[in-house]
Amino acid sequence: MHQPLKVRILDRDYPLLVQAGDVETMQDVARRVDQRMRAFKEQHPDQPDLVAAVITALFLAEELDGARETSDVLVAALDRETDHLDRKLSEVLAEVDPISIQE
């Protein structure tokens, strides 16, 4: 079920519809976006809000891309380790005498 939510970014309210369970997450995301845009505006006070929004979106997209790359590397390493452990477990199980386990 969707729930209405109003977030405030750079002193403007934005009405949203979010899943009921995502309200706190979306509020947190909106706070972080607002903080990033305010930081940009502090460094570049002459730039319009739209420029601040676009630049902030580009920075956030770049961070997301980096996080995805890191995640891909970690998942690949985890897959290699899982395969290694699976092979080792198979080797150990192949050496176990099933009759001695039952006794």
PDB file of N, CA and C in Angstrom:
ATOM      1  N   MET A   1       0.838  -1.178   0.000  1.00  0.00           N
ATOM      2  CA  MET A   1       0.000   0.000   0.000  1.00  0.00           C
ATOM      3  C   MET A   1       0.886   1.245   0.000  1.00  0.00           C
ATOM      4  N   HIS A   2       0.520   2.201  -0.820  1.00  0.00           N
ATOM      5  CA  HIS A   2       1.283   3.442  -0.901  1.00  0.00           C
ATOM      6  C   HIS A   2       0.819   4.434   0.153  1.00  0.00           C
ATOM      7  N   GLN A   3       1.779   5.215   0.574  1.00  0.00           N
ATOM      8  CA  GLN A   3       1.502   6.221   1.601  1.00  0.00           C
ATOM      9  C   GLN A   3       2.039   7.559   1.107  1.00  0.00           C
ATOM     10  N   PRO A   4       1.266   8.635   1.277  1.00  0.00           N
ATOM     11  CA  PRO A   4       1.782   9.948   0.880  1.00  0.00           C
ATOM     12  C   PRO A   4       2.888  10.405   1.830  1.00  0.00           C
ATOM     13  N   LEU A   5       3.866  11.063   1.266  1.00  0.00           N
ATOM     14  CA  LEU A   5       4.993  11.575   2.054  1.00  0.00           C
ATOM     15  C   LEU A   5       5.431  12.882   1.426  1.00  0.00           C
ATOM     16  N   LYS A   6       5.721  13.852   2.256  1.00  0.00           N
ATOM     17  CA  LYS A   6       6.236  15.114   1.765  1.00  0.00           C
ATOM     18  C   LYS A   6       7.677  15.242   2.244  1.00  0.00           C
ATOM     19  N   VAL A   7       8.592  15.459   1.302  1.00  0.00           N
ATOM     20  CA  VAL A   7       9.986  15.680   1.670  1.00  0.00           C
ATOM     21  C   VAL A   7      10.348  17.112   1.287  1.00  0.00           C
ATOM     22  N   ARG A   8      11.340  17.639   1.983  1.00  0.00           N
ATOM     23  CA  ARG A   8      11.755  19.027   1.752  1.00  0.00           C
ATOM     24  C   ARG A   8      13.215  19.026   1.324  1.00  0.00           C
ATOM     25  N   ILE A   9      13.439  19.588   0.138  1.00  0.00           N
ATOM     26  CA  ILE A   9      14.795  19.685  -0.399  1.00  0.00           C
ATOM     27  C   ILE A   9      15.000  21.115  -0.887  1.00  0.00           C
ATOM     28  N   LEU A  10      16.047  21.737  -0.398  1.00  0.00           N
ATOM     29  CA  LEU A  10      16.347  23.144  -0.710  1.00  0.00           C
ATOM     30  C   LEU A  10      15.114  24.027  -0.530  1.00  0.00           C
ATOM     31  N   ASP A  11      14.474  23.871   0.620  1.00  0.00           N
ATOM     32  CA  ASP A  11      13.333  24.700   1.010  1.00  0.00           C
ATOM     33  C   ASP A  11      12.122  24.557   0.093  1.00  0.00           C
ATOM     34  N   ARG A  12      12.046  23.449  -0.633  1.00  0.00           N
ATOM     35  CA  ARG A  12      10.870  23.156  -1.452  1.00  0.00           C
ATOM     36  C   ARG A  12      10.310  21.813  -1.028  1.00  0.00           C
ATOM     37  N   ASP A  13       9.000  21.758  -0.957  1.00  0.00           N
ATOM     38  CA  ASP A  13       8.327  20.507  -0.600  1.00  0.00           C
ATOM     39  C   ASP A  13       8.031  19.704  -1.857  1.00  0.00           C
ATOM     40  N   TYR A  14       8.235  18.398  -1.749  1.00  0.00           N
ATOM     41  CA  TYR A  14       7.961  17.485  -2.847  1.00  0.00           C
ATOM     42  C   TYR A  14       7.050  16.373  -2.330  1.00  0.00           C
ATOM     43  N   PRO A  15       5.818  16.306  -2.832  1.00  0.00           N
ATOM     44  CA  PRO A  15       4.916  15.230  -2.410  1.00  0.00           C
ATOM     45  C   PRO A  15       5.262  13.937  -3.146  1.00  0.00           C
ATOM     46  N   LEU A  16       5.330  12.860  -2.399  1.00  0.00           N
ATOM     47  CA  LEU A  16       5.663  11.553  -2.964  1.00  0.00           C
ATOM     48  C   LEU A  16       4.641  10.523  -2.507  1.00  0.00           C
ATOM     49  N   LEU A  17       4.568   9.427  -3.231  1.00  0.00           N
ATOM     50  CA  LEU A  17       3.845   8.238  -2.788  1.00  0.00           C
ATOM     51  C   LEU A  17       4.878   7.138  -2.652  1.00  0.00           C
ATOM     52  N   VAL A  18       4.990   6.577  -1.470  1.00  0.00           N
ATOM     53  CA  VAL A  18       5.975   5.527  -1.226  1.00  0.00           C
ATOM     54  C   VAL A  18       5.297   4.344  -0.556  1.00  0.00           C
ATOM     55  N   GLN A  19       5.942   3.192  -0.653  1.00  0.00           N
ATOM     56  CA  GLN A  19       5.451   2.026   0.066  1.00  0.00           C
ATOM     57  C   GLN A  19       5.483   2.345   1.558  1.00  0.00           C
ATOM     58  N   ALA A  20       4.492   1.864   2.285  1.00  0.00           N
ATOM     59  CA  ALA A  20       4.390   2.175   3.716  1.00  0.00           C
ATOM     60  C   ALA A  20       5.677   1.837   4.465  1.00  0.00           C
ATOM     61  N   GLY A  21       6.313   0.751   4.105  1.00  0.00           N
ATOM     62  CA  GLY A  21       7.536   0.344   4.792  1.00  0.00           C
ATOM     63  C   GLY A  21       8.769   1.134   4.396  1.00  0.00           C
ATOM     64  N   ASP A  22       8.650   1.998   3.388  1.00  0.00           N
ATOM     65  CA  ASP A  22       9.806   2.745   2.877  1.00  0.00           C
ATOM     66  C   ASP A  22       9.831   4.206   3.321  1.00  0.00           C
ATOM     67  N   VAL A  23       8.918   4.602   4.191  1.00  0.00           N
ATOM     68  CA  VAL A  23       8.812   6.015   4.577  1.00  0.00           C
ATOM     69  C   VAL A  23      10.103   6.509   5.220  1.00  0.00           C
ATOM     70  N   GLU A  24      10.598   5.799   6.221  1.00  0.00           N
ATOM     71  CA  GLU A  24      11.812   6.250   6.907  1.00  0.00           C
ATOM     72  C   GLU A  24      13.008   6.268   5.969  1.00  0.00           C
ATOM     73  N   THR A  25      13.110   5.265   5.122  1.00  0.00           N
ATOM     74  CA  THR A  25      14.216   5.222   4.164  1.00  0.00           C
ATOM     75  C   THR A  25      14.160   6.413   3.226  1.00  0.00           C
ATOM     76  N   MET A  26      12.981   6.714   2.700  1.00  0.00           N
ATOM     77  CA  MET A  26      12.851   7.834   1.776  1.00  0.00           C
ATOM     78  C   MET A  26      13.120   9.155   2.478  1.00  0.00           C
ATOM     79  N   GLN A  27      12.697   9.295   3.723  1.00  0.00           N
ATOM     80  CA  GLN A  27      12.996  10.520   4.474  1.00  0.00           C
ATOM     81  C   GLN A  27      14.498  10.681   4.651  1.00  0.00           C
ATOM     82  N   ASP A  28      15.175   9.573   4.936  1.00  0.00           N
ATOM     83  CA  ASP A  28      16.632   9.609   5.097  1.00  0.00           C
ATOM     84  C   ASP A  28      17.314   9.965   3.781  1.00  0.00           C
ATOM     85  N   VAL A  29      16.860   9.366   2.696  1.00  0.00           N
ATOM     86  CA  VAL A  29      17.427   9.666   1.376  1.00  0.00           C
ATOM     87  C   VAL A  29      17.212  11.146   1.045  1.00  0.00           C
ATOM     88  N   ALA A  30      16.028  11.649   1.296  1.00  0.00           N
ATOM     89  CA  ALA A  30      15.739  13.060   1.004  1.00  0.00           C
ATOM     90  C   ALA A  30      16.631  13.981   1.836  1.00  0.00           C
ATOM     91  N   ARG A  31      16.857  13.625   3.103  1.00  0.00           N
ATOM     92  CA  ARG A  31      17.753  14.432   3.955  1.00  0.00           C
ATOM     93  C   ARG A  31      19.172  14.457   3.375  1.00  0.00           C
ATOM     94  N   ARG A  32      19.632  13.287   2.927  1.00  0.00           N
ATOM     95  CA  ARG A  32      20.993  13.245   2.362  1.00  0.00           C
ATOM     96  C   ARG A  32      21.085  14.047   1.067  1.00  0.00           C
ATOM     97  N   VAL A  33      20.069  13.953   0.221  1.00  0.00           N
ATOM     98  CA  VAL A  33      20.060  14.738  -1.016  1.00  0.00           C
ATOM     99  C   VAL A  33      20.047  16.231  -0.679  1.00  0.00           C
ATOM    100  N   ASP A  34      19.226  16.618   0.272  1.00  0.00           N
ATOM    101  CA  ASP A  34      19.169  18.021   0.690  1.00  0.00           C
ATOM    102  C   ASP A  34      20.529  18.484   1.204  1.00  0.00           C
ATOM    103  N   GLN A  35      21.165  17.674   2.014  1.00  0.00           N
ATOM    104  CA  GLN A  35      22.483  18.039   2.551  1.00  0.00           C
ATOM    105  C   GLN A  35      23.502  18.210   1.421  1.00  0.00           C
ATOM    106  N   ARG A  36      23.485  17.288   0.468  1.00  0.00           N
ATOM    107  CA  ARG A  36      24.443  17.372  -0.643  1.00  0.00           C
ATOM    108  C   ARG A  36      24.186  18.607  -1.494  1.00  0.00           C
ATOM    109  N   MET A  37      22.906  18.881  -1.757  1.00  0.00           N
ATOM    110  CA  MET A  37      22.591  20.051  -2.569  1.00  0.00           C
ATOM    111  C   MET A  37      22.946  21.337  -1.836  1.00  0.00           C
ATOM    112  N   ARG A  38      22.699  21.374  -0.527  1.00  0.00           N
ATOM    113  CA  ARG A  38      23.066  22.559   0.254  1.00  0.00           C
ATOM    114  C   ARG A  38      24.584  22.754   0.267  1.00  0.00           C
ATOM    115  N   ALA A  39      25.317  21.675   0.376  1.00  0.00           N
ATOM    116  CA  ALA A  39      26.787  21.777   0.351  1.00  0.00           C
ATOM    117  C   ALA A  39      27.252  22.344  -0.990  1.00  0.00           C
ATOM    118  N   PHE A  40      26.651  21.878  -2.073  1.00  0.00           N
ATOM    119  CA  PHE A  40      27.009  22.415  -3.390  1.00  0.00           C
ATOM    120  C   PHE A  40      26.680  23.894  -3.470  1.00  0.00           C
ATOM    121  N   LYS A  41      25.478  24.255  -2.987  1.00  0.00           N
ATOM    122  CA  LYS A  41      25.061  25.663  -3.053  1.00  0.00           C
ATOM    123  C   LYS A  41      25.960  26.553  -2.191  1.00  0.00           C
ATOM    124  N   GLU A  42      26.469  26.032  -1.083  1.00  0.00           N
ATOM    125  CA  GLU A  42      27.389  26.818  -0.247  1.00  0.00           C
ATOM    126  C   GLU A  42      28.680  27.101  -1.000  1.00  0.00           C
ATOM    127  N   GLN A  43      29.147  26.126  -1.745  1.00  0.00           N
ATOM    128  CA  GLN A  43      30.388  26.302  -2.502  1.00  0.00           C
ATOM    129  C   GLN A  43      30.165  27.102  -3.789  1.00  0.00           C
ATOM    130  N   HIS A  44      28.944  27.047  -4.305  1.00  0.00           N
ATOM    131  CA  HIS A  44      28.635  27.719  -5.570  1.00  0.00           C
ATOM    132  C   HIS A  44      27.313  28.483  -5.428  1.00  0.00           C
ATOM    133  N   PRO A  45      27.290  29.537  -4.617  1.00  0.00           N
ATOM    134  CA  PRO A  45      26.032  30.236  -4.329  1.00  0.00           C
ATOM    135  C   PRO A  45      25.400  30.897  -5.557  1.00  0.00           C
ATOM    136  N   ASP A  46      26.195  31.141  -6.586  1.00  0.00           N
ATOM    137  CA  ASP A  46      25.663  31.799  -7.777  1.00  0.00           C
ATOM    138  C   ASP A  46      24.924  30.831  -8.709  1.00  0.00           C
ATOM    139  N   GLN A  47      25.034  29.533  -8.460  1.00  0.00           N
ATOM    140  CA  GLN A  47      24.394  28.547  -9.335  1.00  0.00           C
ATOM    141  C   GLN A  47      22.924  28.349  -8.962  1.00  0.00           C
ATOM    142  N   PRO A  48      22.069  28.222  -9.979  1.00  0.00           N
ATOM    143  CA  PRO A  48      20.647  27.990  -9.689  1.00  0.00           C
ATOM    144  C   PRO A  48      20.417  26.600  -9.088  1.00  0.00           C
ATOM    145  N   ASP A  49      19.256  26.454  -8.474  1.00  0.00           N
ATOM    146  CA  ASP A  49      18.913  25.182  -7.836  1.00  0.00           C
ATOM    147  C   ASP A  49      18.938  24.019  -8.820  1.00  0.00           C
ATOM    148  N   LEU A  50      18.527  24.267 -10.053  1.00  0.00           N
ATOM    149  CA  LEU A  50      18.516  23.197 -11.044  1.00  0.00           C
ATOM    150  C   LEU A  50      19.930  22.675 -11.299  1.00  0.00           C
ATOM    151  N   VAL A  51      20.883  23.566 -11.370  1.00  0.00           N
ATOM    152  CA  VAL A  51      22.277  23.141 -11.556  1.00  0.00           C
ATOM    153  C   VAL A  51      22.733  22.343 -10.336  1.00  0.00           C
ATOM    154  N   ALA A  52      22.381  22.801  -9.151  1.00  0.00           N
ATOM    155  CA  ALA A  52      22.734  22.073  -7.930  1.00  0.00           C
ATOM    156  C   ALA A  52      22.123  20.675  -7.963  1.00  0.00           C
ATOM    157  N   ALA A  53      20.885  20.566  -8.427  1.00  0.00           N
ATOM    158  CA  ALA A  53      20.218  19.270  -8.499  1.00  0.00           C
ATOM    159  C   ALA A  53      20.911  18.345  -9.490  1.00  0.00           C
ATOM    160  N   VAL A  54      21.253  18.869 -10.658  1.00  0.00           N
ATOM    161  CA  VAL A  54      21.897  18.034 -11.685  1.00  0.00           C
ATOM    162  C   VAL A  54      23.286  17.593 -11.229  1.00  0.00           C
ATOM    163  N   ILE A  55      24.063  18.511 -10.707  1.00  0.00           N
ATOM    164  CA  ILE A  55      25.414  18.163 -10.248  1.00  0.00           C
ATOM    165  C   ILE A  55      25.336  17.164  -9.102  1.00  0.00           C
ATOM    166  N   THR A  56      24.416  17.372  -8.174  1.00  0.00           N
ATOM    167  CA  THR A  56      24.236  16.437  -7.061  1.00  0.00           C
ATOM    168  C   THR A  56      23.835  15.068  -7.584  1.00  0.00           C
ATOM    169  N   ALA A  57      22.926  15.030  -8.554  1.00  0.00           N
ATOM    170  CA  ALA A  57      22.511  13.752  -9.147  1.00  0.00           C
ATOM    171  C   ALA A  57      23.704  13.047  -9.798  1.00  0.00           C
ATOM    172  N   LEU A  58      24.544  13.799 -10.476  1.00  0.00           N
ATOM    173  CA  LEU A  58      25.730  13.199 -11.108  1.00  0.00           C
ATOM    174  C   LEU A  58      26.688  12.633 -10.063  1.00  0.00           C
ATOM    175  N   PHE A  59      26.922  13.377  -8.996  1.00  0.00           N
ATOM    176  CA  PHE A  59      27.797  12.880  -7.935  1.00  0.00           C
ATOM    177  C   PHE A  59      27.229  11.617  -7.286  1.00  0.00           C
ATOM    178  N   LEU A  60      25.925  11.636  -7.012  1.00  0.00           N
ATOM    179  CA  LEU A  60      25.293  10.457  -6.395  1.00  0.00           C
ATOM    180  C   LEU A  60      25.324   9.254  -7.339  1.00  0.00           C
ATOM    181  N   ALA A  61      25.116   9.504  -8.634  1.00  0.00           N
ATOM    182  CA  ALA A  61      25.175   8.415  -9.613  1.00  0.00           C
ATOM    183  C   ALA A  61      26.589   7.842  -9.690  1.00  0.00           C
ATOM    184  N   GLU A  62      27.583   8.704  -9.612  1.00  0.00           N
ATOM    185  CA  GLU A  62      28.976   8.252  -9.629  1.00  0.00           C
ATOM    186  C   GLU A  62      29.272   7.390  -8.396  1.00  0.00           C
ATOM    187  N   GLU A  63      28.788   7.826  -7.233  1.00  0.00           N
ATOM    188  CA  GLU A  63      28.977   7.037  -6.012  1.00  0.00           C
ATOM    189  C   GLU A  63      28.273   5.691  -6.115  1.00  0.00           C
ATOM    190  N   LEU A  64      27.061   5.687  -6.654  1.00  0.00           N
ATOM    191  CA  LEU A  64      26.315   4.448  -6.822  1.00  0.00           C
ATOM    192  C   LEU A  64      27.043   3.508  -7.770  1.00  0.00           C
ATOM    193  N   ASP A  65      27.576   4.037  -8.843  1.00  0.00           N
ATOM    194  CA  ASP A  65      28.318   3.217  -9.792  1.00  0.00           C
ATOM    195  C   ASP A  65      29.545   2.596  -9.126  1.00  0.00           C
ATOM    196  N   GLY A  66      30.256   3.387  -8.330  1.00  0.00           N
ATOM    197  CA  GLY A  66      31.413   2.863  -7.604  1.00  0.00           C
ATOM    198  C   GLY A  66      31.013   1.790  -6.610  1.00  0.00           C
ATOM    199  N   ALA A  67      29.897   1.999  -5.926  1.00  0.00           N
ATOM    200  CA  ALA A  67      29.418   1.002  -4.966  1.00  0.00           C
ATOM    201  C   ALA A  67      29.025  -0.282  -5.680  1.00  0.00           C
ATOM    202  N   ARG A  68      28.426  -0.157  -6.849  1.00  0.00           N
ATOM    203  CA  ARG A  68      28.063  -1.357  -7.621  1.00  0.00           C
ATOM    204  C   ARG A  68      29.305  -2.117  -8.059  1.00  0.00           C
ATOM    205  N   GLU A  69      30.315  -1.391  -8.501  1.00  0.00           N
ATOM    206  CA  GLU A  69      31.566  -2.049  -8.905  1.00  0.00           C
ATOM    207  C   GLU A  69      32.183  -2.786  -7.718  1.00  0.00           C
ATOM    208  N   THR A  70      32.212  -2.136  -6.569  1.00  0.00           N
ATOM    209  CA  THR A  70      32.746  -2.768  -5.358  1.00  0.00           C
ATOM    210  C   THR A  70      31.924  -3.996  -4.999  1.00  0.00           C
ATOM    211  N   SER A  71      30.619  -3.879  -5.086  1.00  0.00           N
ATOM    212  CA  SER A  71      29.732  -5.004  -4.791  1.00  0.00           C
ATOM    213  C   SER A  71      29.999  -6.163  -5.747  1.00  0.00           C
ATOM    214  N   ASP A  72      30.175  -5.860  -7.024  1.00  0.00           N
ATOM    215  CA  ASP A  72      30.452  -6.913  -8.009  1.00  0.00           C
ATOM    216  C   ASP A  72      31.748  -7.648  -7.685  1.00  0.00           C
ATOM    217  N   VAL A  73      32.768  -6.896  -7.288  1.00  0.00           N
ATOM    218  CA  VAL A  73      34.055  -7.509  -6.931  1.00  0.00           C
ATOM    219  C   VAL A  73      33.887  -8.399  -5.700  1.00  0.00           C
ATOM    220  N   LEU A  74      33.163  -7.904  -4.699  1.00  0.00           N
ATOM    221  CA  LEU A  74      32.964  -8.687  -3.474  1.00  0.00           C
ATOM    222  C   LEU A  74      32.129  -9.942  -3.736  1.00  0.00           C
ATOM    223  N   VAL A  75      31.100  -9.824  -4.560  1.00  0.00           N
ATOM    224  CA  VAL A  75      30.268 -10.987  -4.885  1.00  0.00           C
ATOM    225  C   VAL A  75      31.098 -12.024  -5.652  1.00  0.00           C
ATOM    226  N   ALA A  76      31.931 -11.571  -6.572  1.00  0.00           N
ATOM    227  CA  ALA A  76      32.778 -12.506  -7.318  1.00  0.00           C
ATOM    228  C   ALA A  76      33.749 -13.221  -6.377  1.00  0.00           C
ATOM    229  N   ALA A  77      34.335 -12.494  -5.436  1.00  0.00           N
ATOM    230  CA  ALA A  77      35.244 -13.114  -4.468  1.00  0.00           C
ATOM    231  C   ALA A  77      34.493 -14.101  -3.583  1.00  0.00           C
ATOM    232  N   LEU A  78      33.304 -13.749  -3.165  1.00  0.00           N
ATOM    233  CA  LEU A  78      32.487 -14.653  -2.360  1.00  0.00           C
ATOM    234  C   LEU A  78      32.123 -15.907  -3.146  1.00  0.00           C
ATOM    235  N   ASP A  79      31.786 -15.740  -4.418  1.00  0.00           N
ATOM    236  CA  ASP A  79      31.481 -16.903  -5.267  1.00  0.00           C
ATOM    237  C   ASP A  79      32.687 -17.828  -5.390  1.00  0.00           C
ATOM    238  N   ARG A  80      33.873 -17.241  -5.574  1.00  0.00           N
ATOM    239  CA  ARG A  80      35.093 -18.074  -5.671  1.00  0.00           C
ATOM    240  C   ARG A  80      35.334 -18.832  -4.380  1.00  0.00           C
ATOM    241  N   GLU A  81      35.173 -18.149  -3.250  1.00  0.00           N
ATOM    242  CA  GLU A  81      35.390 -18.794  -1.955  1.00  0.00           C
ATOM    243  C   GLU A  81      34.352 -19.880  -1.705  1.00  0.00           C
ATOM    244  N   THR A  82      33.118 -19.624  -2.075  1.00  0.00           N
ATOM    245  CA  THR A  82      32.067 -20.628  -1.919  1.00  0.00           C
ATOM    246  C   THR A  82      32.358 -21.855  -2.773  1.00  0.00           C
ATOM    247  N   ASP A  83      32.789 -21.636  -4.009  1.00  0.00           N
ATOM    248  CA  ASP A  83      33.151 -22.767  -4.880  1.00  0.00           C
ATOM    249  C   ASP A  83      34.300 -23.566  -4.283  1.00  0.00           C
ATOM    250  N   HIS A  84      35.296 -22.865  -3.754  1.00  0.00           N
ATOM    251  CA  HIS A  84      36.442 -23.525  -3.133  1.00  0.00           C
ATOM    252  C   HIS A  84      35.997 -24.377  -1.941  1.00  0.00           C
ATOM    253  N   LEU A  85      35.173 -23.794  -1.080  1.00  0.00           N
ATOM    254  CA  LEU A  85      34.697 -24.534   0.097  1.00  0.00           C
ATOM    255  C   LEU A  85      33.808 -25.710  -0.312  1.00  0.00           C
ATOM    256  N   ASP A  86      33.029 -25.536  -1.351  1.00  0.00           N
ATOM    257  CA  ASP A  86      32.179 -26.624  -1.845  1.00  0.00           C
ATOM    258  C   ASP A  86      33.036 -27.788  -2.352  1.00  0.00           C
ATOM    259  N   ARG A  87      34.102 -27.465  -3.066  1.00  0.00           N
ATOM    260  CA  ARG A  87      35.009 -28.524  -3.552  1.00  0.00           C
ATOM    261  C   ARG A  87      35.673 -29.249  -2.379  1.00  0.00           C
ATOM    262  N   LYS A  88      36.135 -28.481  -1.397  1.00  0.00           N
ATOM    263  CA  LYS A  88      36.777 -29.093  -0.230  1.00  0.00           C
ATOM    264  C   LYS A  88      35.802 -29.990   0.522  1.00  0.00           C
ATOM    265  N   LEU A  89      34.588 -29.523   0.707  1.00  0.00           N
ATOM    266  CA  LEU A  89      33.577 -30.318   1.398  1.00  0.00           C
ATOM    267  C   LEU A  89      33.276 -31.589   0.628  1.00  0.00           C
ATOM    268  N   SER A  90      33.184 -31.494  -0.671  1.00  0.00           N
ATOM    269  CA  SER A  90      32.945 -32.683  -1.500  1.00  0.00           C
ATOM    270  C   SER A  90      34.083 -33.680  -1.367  1.00  0.00           C
ATOM    271  N   GLU A  91      35.314 -33.189  -1.327  1.00  0.00           N
ATOM    272  CA  GLU A  91      36.477 -34.066  -1.159  1.00  0.00           C
ATOM    273  C   GLU A  91      36.417 -34.786   0.189  1.00  0.00           C
ATOM    274  N   VAL A  92      36.116 -34.056   1.241  1.00  0.00           N
ATOM    275  CA  VAL A  92      36.047 -34.654   2.580  1.00  0.00           C
ATOM    276  C   VAL A  92      34.924 -35.675   2.644  1.00  0.00           C
ATOM    277  N   LEU A  93      33.778 -35.334   2.117  1.00  0.00           N
ATOM    278  CA  LEU A  93      32.647 -36.259   2.144  1.00  0.00           C
ATOM    279  C   LEU A  93      32.920 -37.508   1.317  1.00  0.00           C
ATOM    280  N   ALA A  94      33.683 -37.376   0.250  1.00  0.00           N
ATOM    281  CA  ALA A  94      34.015 -38.530  -0.587  1.00  0.00           C
ATOM    282  C   ALA A  94      34.937 -39.494   0.159  1.00  0.00           C
ATOM    283  N   GLU A  95      35.711 -38.993   1.115  1.00  0.00           N
ATOM    284  CA  GLU A  95      36.632 -39.829   1.876  1.00  0.00           C
ATOM    285  C   GLU A  95      35.982 -40.485   3.091  1.00  0.00           C
ATOM    286  N   VAL A  96      34.809 -40.024   3.486  1.00  0.00           N
ATOM    287  CA  VAL A  96      34.148 -40.554   4.679  1.00  0.00           C
ATOM    288  C   VAL A  96      33.479 -41.874   4.345  1.00  0.00           C
ATOM    289  N   ASP A  97      33.665 -42.857   5.242  1.00  0.00           N
ATOM    290  CA  ASP A  97      33.051 -44.168   5.084  1.00  0.00           C
ATOM    291  C   ASP A  97      31.626 -44.098   5.641  1.00  0.00           C
ATOM    292  N   PRO A  98      30.615 -44.251   4.779  1.00  0.00           N
ATOM    293  CA  PRO A  98      29.237 -44.122   5.245  1.00  0.00           C
ATOM    294  C   PRO A  98      28.869 -45.170   6.315  1.00  0.00           C
ATOM    295  N   ILE A  99      29.509 -46.327   6.311  1.00  0.00           N
ATOM    296  CA  ILE A  99      29.177 -47.366   7.286  1.00  0.00           C
ATOM    297  C   ILE A  99      29.649 -46.925   8.680  1.00  0.00           C
ATOM    298  N   SER A 100      30.818 -46.326   8.775  1.00  0.00           N
ATOM    299  CA  SER A 100      31.323 -45.912  10.090  1.00  0.00           C
ATOM    300  C   SER A 100      30.498 -44.771  10.663  1.00  0.00           C
ATOM    301  N   ILE A 101      29.854 -43.996   9.819  1.00  0.00           N
ATOM    302  CA  ILE A 101      29.019 -42.898  10.305  1.00  0.00           C
ATOM    303  C   ILE A 101      27.761 -43.459  10.961  1.00  0.00           C
ATOM    304  N   GLN A 102      27.225 -44.536  10.417  1.00  0.00           N
ATOM    305  CA  GLN A 102      25.982 -45.106  10.934  1.00  0.00           C
ATOM    306  C   GLN A 102      26.202 -45.808  12.271  1.00  0.00           C
ATOM    307  N   GLU A 103      27.367 -46.289  12.527  1.00  0.00           N
ATOM    308  CA  GLU A 103      27.635 -47.052  13.757  1.00  0.00           C
ATOM    309  C   GLU A 103      27.782 -46.159  14.909  1.00  0.00           C
TER     310      GLU A 103
END
